[in-house]
Amino acid sequence: MVNAKKTGFLWSDVKKIDKLLRTFPSQLRGKTEKEFSMALSPIIMGRLMKGNSKNNVIAEIDKRVKVDPVHCFGKKNRPDLTVNNNGIAVEFKLCNSTGLAQAIGQGMIYRMKYKFVFLVLILKIRKENKTILFGLLLW
């Protein structure tokens, strides 16, 4: 795994993403993981750019650029959003019966290349028509 220091510009961006996820409103709407990614990625990108981040933010929603894949077990895995090519990876995962296990597995794979990995677990509560975000940070 890549060594991660809790100082510098990357760590500053980690703290910004963490704060954003902790204060994010639960009125988020969507049916698929892609819809949530399309809604959350621009918000995270905007917050980092607004804070004059010195790091390069790349999202899968921007078709002009590609997130570098992580090769593992003969497959290419791409996080939904990255800060720098080896700095921070953000993966959005709509949790159902298998989503949690997949998210943790993908997080471990991303951690082989990236210094910090955020797993944003999206839980939908049908009775109350709410969406809850849990942000897990792996370093």
Protein backbone atom coordinates (compact mmCIF):
# COMPACT_ATOMS: atom_id res chain seq x y z
CA MET A 1 0.00 0.00 0.00
CA VAL A 2 1.03 3.56 -0.66
CA ASN A 3 2.34 5.51 2.33
CA ALA A 4 -0.06 8.31 3.36
CA LYS A 5 1.00 11.38 5.32
CA LYS A 6 -1.58 13.38 7.22
CA THR A 7 -0.10 16.72 6.15
CA GLY A 8 0.00 18.89 3.07
CA PHE A 9 -2.46 19.73 0.30
CA LEU A 10 -3.85 16.20 -0.05
CA TRP A 11 -4.65 15.94 3.65
CA SER A 12 -6.33 19.35 3.45
CA ASP A 13 -8.56 18.03 0.65
CA VAL A 14 -9.30 14.86 2.65
CA LYS A 15 -10.57 17.02 5.52
CA LYS A 16 -12.72 19.10 3.12
CA ILE A 17 -14.34 15.98 1.62
CA ASP A 18 -14.89 14.51 5.07
CA LYS A 19 -16.56 17.69 6.31
CA LEU A 20 -18.76 17.87 3.21
CA LEU A 21 -19.93 14.28 3.63
CA ARG A 22 -20.70 14.80 7.32
CA THR A 23 -22.89 17.83 6.62
CA PHE A 24 -24.51 16.70 3.38
CA PRO A 25 -28.31 16.93 3.38
CA SER A 26 -30.26 13.68 3.32
CA GLN A 27 -32.74 14.86 0.67
CA LEU A 28 -30.61 13.33 -2.05
CA ARG A 29 -32.69 11.62 -4.74
CA GLY A 30 -31.74 8.88 -7.15
CA LYS A 31 -32.47 5.30 -8.09
CA THR A 32 -29.10 4.07 -9.30
CA GLU A 33 -25.51 4.37 -8.18
CA LYS A 34 -24.72 6.35 -11.34
CA GLU A 35 -27.43 8.93 -10.54
CA PHE A 36 -25.98 9.46 -7.07
CA SER A 37 -22.48 9.74 -8.54
CA MET A 38 -23.73 12.31 -11.06
CA ALA A 39 -25.27 14.33 -8.21
CA LEU A 40 -22.40 14.09 -5.70
CA SER A 41 -19.30 14.39 -7.90
CA PRO A 42 -19.91 18.00 -9.02
CA ILE A 43 -20.59 19.05 -5.42
CA ILE A 44 -17.31 17.56 -4.19
CA MET A 45 -15.43 18.97 -7.19
CA GLY A 46 -16.95 22.42 -6.62
CA ARG A 47 -16.05 22.42 -2.93
CA LEU A 48 -12.44 21.49 -3.67
CA MET A 49 -12.11 24.07 -6.45
CA LYS A 50 -13.77 26.75 -4.31
CA GLY A 51 -11.19 26.09 -1.63
CA ASN A 52 -8.38 26.72 -4.15
CA SER A 53 -7.23 23.13 -4.10
CA LYS A 54 -3.77 22.74 -5.59
CA ASN A 55 -4.66 19.21 -6.64
CA ASN A 56 -6.19 17.97 -9.89
CA VAL A 57 -9.76 16.67 -9.47
CA ILE A 58 -10.92 14.07 -12.03
CA ALA A 59 -14.42 12.57 -12.10
CA GLU A 60 -15.89 9.76 -14.17
CA ILE A 61 -18.84 12.02 -15.04
CA ASP A 62 -16.52 14.22 -17.15
CA LYS A 63 -16.25 12.34 -20.45
CA ARG A 64 -13.25 14.43 -21.58
CA VAL A 65 -10.93 12.86 -18.99
CA LYS A 66 -10.46 9.34 -17.67
CA VAL A 67 -9.76 8.24 -14.15
CA ASP A 68 -6.70 5.99 -14.15
CA PRO A 69 -7.67 2.39 -13.42
CA VAL A 70 -6.24 0.18 -10.71
CA HIS A 71 -5.33 -3.24 -12.09
CA CYS A 72 -6.03 -6.17 -9.78
CA PHE A 73 -6.90 -9.82 -10.42
CA GLY A 74 -6.99 -9.22 -14.16
CA LYS A 75 -9.60 -6.46 -13.93
CA LYS A 76 -9.49 -2.69 -14.21
CA ASN A 77 -11.23 -0.85 -11.39
CA ARG A 78 -11.89 2.88 -11.60
CA PRO A 79 -13.04 5.03 -8.68
CA ASP A 80 -15.83 7.52 -9.35
CA LEU A 81 -13.69 10.54 -8.49
CA THR A 82 -10.00 11.13 -7.84
CA VAL A 83 -7.82 13.94 -6.58
CA ASN A 84 -4.48 13.62 -8.38
CA ASN A 85 -3.59 10.32 -10.02
CA ASN A 86 -2.49 8.67 -6.79
CA GLY A 87 -3.85 10.93 -4.05
CA ILE A 88 -7.51 10.48 -3.09
CA ALA A 89 -10.05 8.06 -4.55
CA VAL A 90 -13.79 8.44 -3.93
CA GLU A 91 -16.15 5.55 -4.61
CA PHE A 92 -19.93 5.93 -4.37
CA LYS A 93 -21.75 2.70 -3.57
CA LEU A 94 -25.50 2.22 -3.34
CA CYS A 95 -25.75 -0.37 -0.60
CA ASN A 96 -27.95 -3.38 -0.92
CA SER A 97 -27.24 -6.94 0.16
CA THR A 98 -23.97 -7.14 -1.80
CA GLY A 99 -23.06 -3.45 -2.05
CA LEU A 100 -21.25 -3.25 1.28
CA ALA A 101 -18.95 -6.19 0.55
CA GLN A 102 -18.22 -4.82 -2.94
CA ALA A 103 -17.48 -1.36 -1.57
CA ILE A 104 -15.02 -2.65 1.01
CA GLY A 105 -13.33 -4.85 -1.61
CA GLN A 106 -13.05 -1.99 -4.07
CA GLY A 107 -11.73 0.28 -1.32
CA MET A 108 -8.96 -2.20 -0.54
CA ILE A 109 -8.06 -2.42 -4.23
CA TYR A 110 -8.00 1.38 -4.62
CA ARG A 111 -5.84 1.66 -1.51
CA MET A 112 -3.08 -0.20 -3.38
CA LYS A 113 -2.64 2.90 -5.59
CA TYR A 114 -4.22 5.85 -3.77
CA LYS A 115 -3.03 7.38 -0.51
CA PHE A 116 -6.58 7.95 0.79
CA VAL A 117 -9.83 6.24 -0.20
CA PHE A 118 -13.34 7.44 0.63
CA LEU A 119 -16.14 4.92 0.41
CA VAL A 120 -19.40 6.82 0.27
CA LEU A 121 -22.07 4.30 1.19
CA ILE A 122 -25.56 5.34 0.15
CA LEU A 123 -28.38 3.78 2.18
CA LYS A 124 -31.94 4.33 1.08
CA ILE A 125 -34.68 4.11 3.69
CA ARG A 126 -37.89 3.41 1.84
CA LYS A 127 -40.40 3.96 4.64
CA GLU A 128 -39.21 7.46 5.44
CA ASN A 129 -38.17 8.25 1.85
CA LYS A 130 -34.71 9.28 3.07
CA THR A 131 -31.20 8.76 1.82
CA ILE A 132 -28.34 8.45 4.27
CA LEU A 133 -24.68 8.88 3.34
CA PHE A 134 -21.90 7.21 5.27
CA GLY A 135 -18.37 8.22 4.39
CA LEU A 136 -15.65 5.76 5.33
CA LEU A 137 -12.03 6.79 4.98
CA LEU A 138 -9.33 4.19 4.40
CA TRP A 139 -5.69 5.23 4.85
